[in-house]
């Protein structure tokens, strides 16, 4: 008896998960199930304009992001060069001076 009810429960769970995937696919694709032949010519033109605008926006985003990436790479390269230069030990150059404390009273003697 329990095996029959468990198989019915698993079948209902499977159908629920299938419904969830169908709903999630419909949410991600706004044109799913859209029959273009039923739309008027103006609607098709309007939708193509919308898609063209979205494509332009995405292309601009790609160009902007690639430019930001390149500038970041250039800054990283410059900073690595600066670090390399600053890691090298400088040549030590100095002058040694010996100071004598001359006592003016001692010179008179």
N, C-alpha and C. Protein backbone atom coordinates (compact mmCIF):
# COMPACT_ATOMS: atom_id res chain seq x y z
N UNK A 1 0.79 -1.18 0.00
CA UNK A 1 0.00 0.00 0.00
C UNK A 1 0.85 1.26 0.00
N UNK A 2 1.87 1.29 0.81
CA UNK A 2 2.71 2.47 0.91
C UNK A 2 3.53 2.67 -0.35
N UNK A 3 3.88 1.60 -1.06
CA UNK A 3 4.68 1.74 -2.27
C UNK A 3 3.88 2.41 -3.38
N UNK A 4 2.58 2.17 -3.44
CA UNK A 4 1.73 2.81 -4.45
C UNK A 4 1.59 4.29 -4.18
N UNK A 5 1.48 4.67 -2.93
CA UNK A 5 1.32 6.09 -2.61
C UNK A 5 2.64 6.84 -2.80
N UNK A 6 3.77 6.17 -2.56
CA UNK A 6 5.06 6.84 -2.75
C UNK A 6 5.34 7.07 -4.22
N UNK A 7 4.93 6.16 -5.09
CA UNK A 7 5.14 6.37 -6.52
C UNK A 7 4.25 7.48 -7.04
N UNK A 8 3.05 7.61 -6.50
CA UNK A 8 2.16 8.70 -6.90
C UNK A 8 2.72 10.03 -6.43
N UNK A 9 3.31 10.05 -5.24
CA UNK A 9 3.91 11.28 -4.71
C UNK A 9 5.10 11.69 -5.55
N UNK A 10 5.95 10.74 -5.92
CA UNK A 10 7.12 11.07 -6.73
C UNK A 10 6.70 11.54 -8.12
N UNK A 11 5.63 10.98 -8.66
CA UNK A 11 5.14 11.42 -9.97
C UNK A 11 4.62 12.85 -9.89
N UNK A 12 3.93 13.18 -8.81
CA UNK A 12 3.41 14.55 -8.68
C UNK A 12 4.55 15.54 -8.46
N UNK A 13 5.60 15.13 -7.73
CA UNK A 13 6.77 16.00 -7.54
C UNK A 13 7.48 16.23 -8.86
N UNK A 14 7.57 15.20 -9.70
CA UNK A 14 8.22 15.35 -10.99
C UNK A 14 7.45 16.31 -11.88
N UNK A 15 6.13 16.22 -11.84
CA UNK A 15 5.34 17.14 -12.68
C UNK A 15 5.45 18.56 -12.17
N UNK A 16 5.57 18.75 -10.85
CA UNK A 16 5.74 20.10 -10.30
C UNK A 16 7.08 20.69 -10.73
N UNK A 17 8.15 19.88 -10.72
CA UNK A 17 9.45 20.40 -11.13
C UNK A 17 9.45 20.72 -12.62
N UNK A 18 8.72 19.94 -13.44
CA UNK A 18 8.63 20.24 -14.86
C UNK A 18 7.91 21.57 -15.08
N UNK A 19 6.89 21.82 -14.30
CA UNK A 19 6.17 23.09 -14.42
C UNK A 19 7.06 24.26 -14.04
N UNK A 20 7.91 24.08 -13.06
CA UNK A 20 8.81 25.16 -12.64
C UNK A 20 9.81 25.49 -13.73
N UNK A 21 10.31 24.47 -14.43
CA UNK A 21 11.26 24.74 -15.50
C UNK A 21 10.59 25.44 -16.66
N UNK A 22 9.36 25.10 -16.95
CA UNK A 22 8.64 25.76 -18.03
C UNK A 22 8.40 27.22 -17.68
N UNK A 23 8.04 27.48 -16.44
CA UNK A 23 7.79 28.85 -16.00
C UNK A 23 9.08 29.65 -16.04
N UNK A 24 10.20 29.06 -15.58
CA UNK A 24 11.46 29.80 -15.57
C UNK A 24 11.94 30.09 -16.99
N UNK A 25 11.72 29.17 -17.93
CA UNK A 25 12.09 29.43 -19.32
C UNK A 25 11.25 30.54 -19.91
N UNK A 26 9.98 30.57 -19.56
CA UNK A 26 9.09 31.62 -20.08
C UNK A 26 9.49 32.98 -19.52
N UNK A 27 9.96 33.00 -18.29
CA UNK A 27 10.38 34.27 -17.69
C UNK A 27 11.65 34.81 -18.33
N UNK A 28 12.56 33.94 -18.74
CA UNK A 28 13.82 34.40 -19.31
C UNK A 28 13.69 34.80 -20.76
N UNK A 29 12.76 34.23 -21.51
CA UNK A 29 12.59 34.55 -22.93
C UNK A 29 11.24 35.22 -23.13
N UNK A 30 11.21 36.54 -23.30
CA UNK A 30 9.93 37.23 -23.44
C UNK A 30 9.24 36.94 -24.76
N UNK A 31 9.97 36.42 -25.75
CA UNK A 31 9.38 36.14 -27.05
C UNK A 31 8.99 34.68 -27.23
N UNK A 32 9.08 33.90 -26.16
CA UNK A 32 8.73 32.49 -26.26
C UNK A 32 7.23 32.37 -26.51
N UNK A 33 6.86 31.55 -27.47
CA UNK A 33 5.46 31.34 -27.78
C UNK A 33 4.87 32.47 -28.61
N UNK A 34 5.67 33.43 -29.02
CA UNK A 34 5.19 34.56 -29.81
C UNK A 34 5.20 34.16 -31.28
N UNK A 35 4.06 34.25 -31.90
CA UNK A 35 3.96 33.93 -33.32
C UNK A 35 4.08 35.22 -34.11
N UNK A 36 5.18 35.37 -34.81
CA UNK A 36 5.46 36.60 -35.54
C UNK A 36 4.45 36.81 -36.66
N UNK A 37 3.93 35.72 -37.20
CA UNK A 37 2.97 35.86 -38.30
C UNK A 37 1.67 36.51 -37.85
N UNK A 38 1.37 36.47 -36.57
CA UNK A 38 0.14 37.09 -36.06
C UNK A 38 0.31 38.58 -35.78
N UNK A 39 1.54 39.05 -35.72
CA UNK A 39 1.78 40.46 -35.42
C UNK A 39 1.61 41.30 -36.67
N UNK A 40 1.28 42.55 -36.44
CA UNK A 40 1.20 43.48 -37.57
C UNK A 40 2.61 43.90 -37.97
N UNK A 41 2.71 44.48 -39.14
CA UNK A 41 4.02 44.91 -39.64
C UNK A 41 4.62 45.98 -38.73
N UNK A 42 3.80 46.85 -38.19
CA UNK A 42 4.29 47.90 -37.29
C UNK A 42 4.85 47.31 -36.01
N UNK A 43 4.18 46.27 -35.50
CA UNK A 43 4.67 45.62 -34.29
C UNK A 43 6.01 44.93 -34.53
N UNK A 44 6.15 44.30 -35.69
CA UNK A 44 7.41 43.63 -36.01
C UNK A 44 8.52 44.66 -36.14
N UNK A 45 8.24 45.78 -36.81
CA UNK A 45 9.23 46.84 -36.97
C UNK A 45 9.60 47.41 -35.61
N UNK A 46 8.61 47.62 -34.74
CA UNK A 46 8.88 48.17 -33.41
C UNK A 46 9.74 47.20 -32.60
N UNK A 47 9.45 45.93 -32.70
CA UNK A 47 10.25 44.95 -31.95
C UNK A 47 11.67 44.86 -32.49
N UNK A 48 11.83 44.95 -33.81
CA UNK A 48 13.19 44.92 -34.36
C UNK A 48 13.96 46.16 -33.94
N UNK A 49 13.30 47.31 -33.85
CA UNK A 49 13.98 48.52 -33.36
C UNK A 49 14.42 48.34 -31.92
N UNK A 50 13.53 47.76 -31.11
CA UNK A 50 13.89 47.52 -29.71
C UNK A 50 15.10 46.59 -29.63
N UNK A 51 15.09 45.54 -30.43
CA UNK A 51 16.22 44.61 -30.41
C UNK A 51 17.49 45.28 -30.90
N UNK A 52 17.38 46.10 -31.95
CA UNK A 52 18.55 46.82 -32.45
C UNK A 52 19.11 47.76 -31.39
N UNK A 53 18.22 48.44 -30.66
CA UNK A 53 18.68 49.33 -29.59
C UNK A 53 19.38 48.55 -28.48
N UNK A 54 18.82 47.40 -28.13
CA UNK A 54 19.46 46.58 -27.10
C UNK A 54 20.83 46.09 -27.57
N UNK A 55 20.93 45.74 -28.85
CA UNK A 55 22.21 45.29 -29.40
C UNK A 55 23.23 46.41 -29.33
N UNK A 56 22.82 47.64 -29.69
CA UNK A 56 23.73 48.79 -29.63
C UNK A 56 24.20 49.04 -28.21
N UNK A 57 23.27 48.95 -27.27
CA UNK A 57 23.63 49.17 -25.86
C UNK A 57 24.63 48.12 -25.40
N UNK A 58 24.39 46.87 -25.77
CA UNK A 58 25.30 45.80 -25.36
C UNK A 58 26.66 45.95 -26.02
N UNK A 59 26.70 46.37 -27.29
CA UNK A 59 27.98 46.59 -27.95
C UNK A 59 28.74 47.73 -27.28
N UNK A 60 28.03 48.80 -26.91
CA UNK A 60 28.67 49.90 -26.20
C UNK A 60 29.22 49.45 -24.86
N UNK A 61 28.47 48.59 -24.18
CA UNK A 61 28.95 48.04 -22.91
C UNK A 61 30.21 47.22 -23.11
N UNK A 62 30.24 46.43 -24.18
CA UNK A 62 31.42 45.62 -24.47
C UNK A 62 32.63 46.50 -24.72
N UNK A 63 32.45 47.56 -25.51
CA UNK A 63 33.56 48.47 -25.80
C UNK A 63 34.03 49.16 -24.53
N UNK A 64 33.09 49.62 -23.72
CA UNK A 64 33.44 50.32 -22.48
C UNK A 64 34.20 49.39 -21.53
N UNK A 65 33.70 48.17 -21.38
CA UNK A 65 34.34 47.22 -20.46
C UNK A 65 35.72 46.82 -20.97
N UNK A 66 35.85 46.63 -22.28
CA UNK A 66 37.17 46.27 -22.81
C UNK A 66 38.15 47.42 -22.64
N UNK A 67 37.67 48.65 -22.79
CA UNK A 67 38.54 49.82 -22.56
C UNK A 67 38.97 49.89 -21.09
N UNK A 68 38.03 49.69 -20.18
CA UNK A 68 38.36 49.69 -18.76
C UNK A 68 39.36 48.58 -18.43
N UNK A 69 39.17 47.43 -19.03
CA UNK A 69 40.07 46.30 -18.80
C UNK A 69 41.47 46.63 -19.28
N UNK A 70 41.57 47.21 -20.47
CA UNK A 70 42.88 47.56 -21.02
C UNK A 70 43.57 48.62 -20.17
N UNK A 71 42.82 49.62 -19.73
CA UNK A 71 43.44 50.66 -18.90
C UNK A 71 43.89 50.09 -17.56
N UNK A 72 43.12 49.17 -17.01
CA UNK A 72 43.52 48.53 -15.76
C UNK A 72 44.77 47.69 -15.96
N UNK A 73 44.86 46.99 -17.09
CA UNK A 73 46.07 46.20 -17.38
C UNK A 73 47.28 47.12 -17.52
N UNK A 74 47.09 48.26 -18.18
CA UNK A 74 48.20 49.20 -18.33
C UNK A 74 48.67 49.73 -16.98
N UNK A 75 47.71 50.06 -16.10
CA UNK A 75 48.09 50.54 -14.77
C UNK A 75 48.82 49.47 -13.98
N UNK A 76 48.37 48.22 -14.10
CA UNK A 76 49.03 47.12 -13.40
C UNK A 76 50.45 46.96 -13.92
N UNK A 77 50.62 47.05 -15.24
CA UNK A 77 51.95 46.93 -15.83
C UNK A 77 52.86 48.05 -15.34
N UNK A 78 52.36 49.29 -15.32
CA UNK A 78 53.16 50.42 -14.83
C UNK A 78 53.53 50.24 -13.36
N UNK A 79 52.58 49.80 -12.57
CA UNK A 79 52.85 49.61 -11.14
C UNK A 79 53.87 48.50 -10.92
N UNK A 80 53.81 47.44 -11.71
CA UNK A 80 54.81 46.37 -11.57
C UNK A 80 56.20 46.88 -11.93
N UNK A 81 56.28 47.73 -12.96
CA UNK A 81 57.57 48.30 -13.32
C UNK A 81 58.10 49.21 -12.21
N UNK A 82 57.22 49.99 -11.61
CA UNK A 82 57.63 50.86 -10.51
C UNK A 82 58.12 50.04 -9.33
N UNK A 83 57.43 48.96 -9.03
CA UNK A 83 57.85 48.09 -7.93
C UNK A 83 59.21 47.49 -8.24
N UNK A 84 59.42 47.07 -9.47
CA UNK A 84 60.70 46.48 -9.85
C UNK A 84 61.82 47.49 -9.70
N UNK A 85 61.58 48.73 -10.12
CA UNK A 85 62.59 49.78 -10.00
C UNK A 85 62.88 50.08 -8.53
N UNK A 86 61.85 50.12 -7.72
CA UNK A 86 62.04 50.46 -6.31
C UNK A 86 62.65 49.32 -5.51
N UNK A 87 62.60 48.10 -6.03
CA UNK A 87 63.22 46.98 -5.32
C UNK A 87 64.73 46.96 -5.49
N UNK A 88 65.25 47.57 -6.53
CA UNK A 88 66.70 47.56 -6.74
C UNK A 88 67.37 48.43 -5.69
N UNK A 89 68.50 47.96 -5.22
CA UNK A 89 69.22 48.70 -4.19
C UNK A 89 69.93 49.89 -4.82
N UNK A 90 69.82 51.02 -4.20
CA UNK A 90 70.50 52.19 -4.76
C UNK A 90 72.00 52.12 -4.46
N UNK A 91 72.78 52.81 -5.28
CA UNK A 91 74.20 52.91 -5.00
C UNK A 91 74.38 53.90 -3.86
N UNK A 92 75.17 53.49 -2.89
CA UNK A 92 75.39 54.36 -1.74
C UNK A 92 76.53 55.31 -2.04
N UNK A 93 76.23 56.57 -1.99
CA UNK A 93 77.23 57.60 -2.22
C UNK A 93 77.19 58.51 -1.01
N UNK A 94 78.35 58.69 -0.43
CA UNK A 94 78.37 59.57 0.74
C UNK A 94 79.74 60.22 0.85
N UNK A 95 79.79 61.23 1.62
CA UNK A 95 81.04 61.91 1.94
C UNK A 95 81.28 61.75 3.42
N UNK A 96 82.50 61.41 3.74
CA UNK A 96 82.87 61.27 5.14
C UNK A 96 83.63 62.52 5.54
N UNK A 97 83.14 63.15 6.55
CA UNK A 97 83.78 64.37 7.05
C UNK A 97 84.08 64.15 8.52
N UNK A 98 85.31 64.50 8.88
CA UNK A 98 85.69 64.38 10.28
C UNK A 98 85.72 65.78 10.85
N UNK A 99 84.98 65.96 11.91
CA UNK A 99 84.92 67.27 12.54
C UNK A 99 85.80 67.25 13.79
N UNK A 100 86.63 68.25 13.86
CA UNK A 100 87.48 68.40 15.03
C UNK A 100 86.92 69.50 15.90
N UNK A 101 86.88 69.21 17.16
CA UNK A 101 86.43 70.24 18.09
C UNK A 101 87.67 71.00 18.54
N UNK A 102 87.85 72.13 17.98
CA UNK A 102 89.02 72.93 18.32
C UNK A 102 88.68 73.85 19.49
N UNK A 103 89.54 73.78 20.43
CA UNK A 103 89.36 74.64 21.61
C UNK A 103 90.15 75.91 21.38
N UNK A 104 89.50 77.05 21.27
CA UNK A 104 90.24 78.28 21.00
C UNK A 104 91.23 78.62 22.13
N UNK A 105 90.98 78.21 23.34
CA UNK A 105 91.90 78.51 24.44
C UNK A 105 93.14 77.63 24.34
N UNK A 106 93.02 76.44 23.83
CA UNK A 106 94.16 75.55 23.72
C UNK A 106 95.12 75.98 22.64
N UNK A 107 94.69 76.71 21.63
CA UNK A 107 95.55 77.15 20.55
C UNK A 107 96.48 78.27 21.01
N UNK A 108 96.07 79.03 21.97
CA UNK A 108 96.88 80.15 22.44
C UNK A 108 98.08 79.66 23.22
N UNK A 109 98.04 78.50 23.78
CA UNK A 109 99.15 78.03 24.59
C UNK A 109 100.36 77.72 23.84
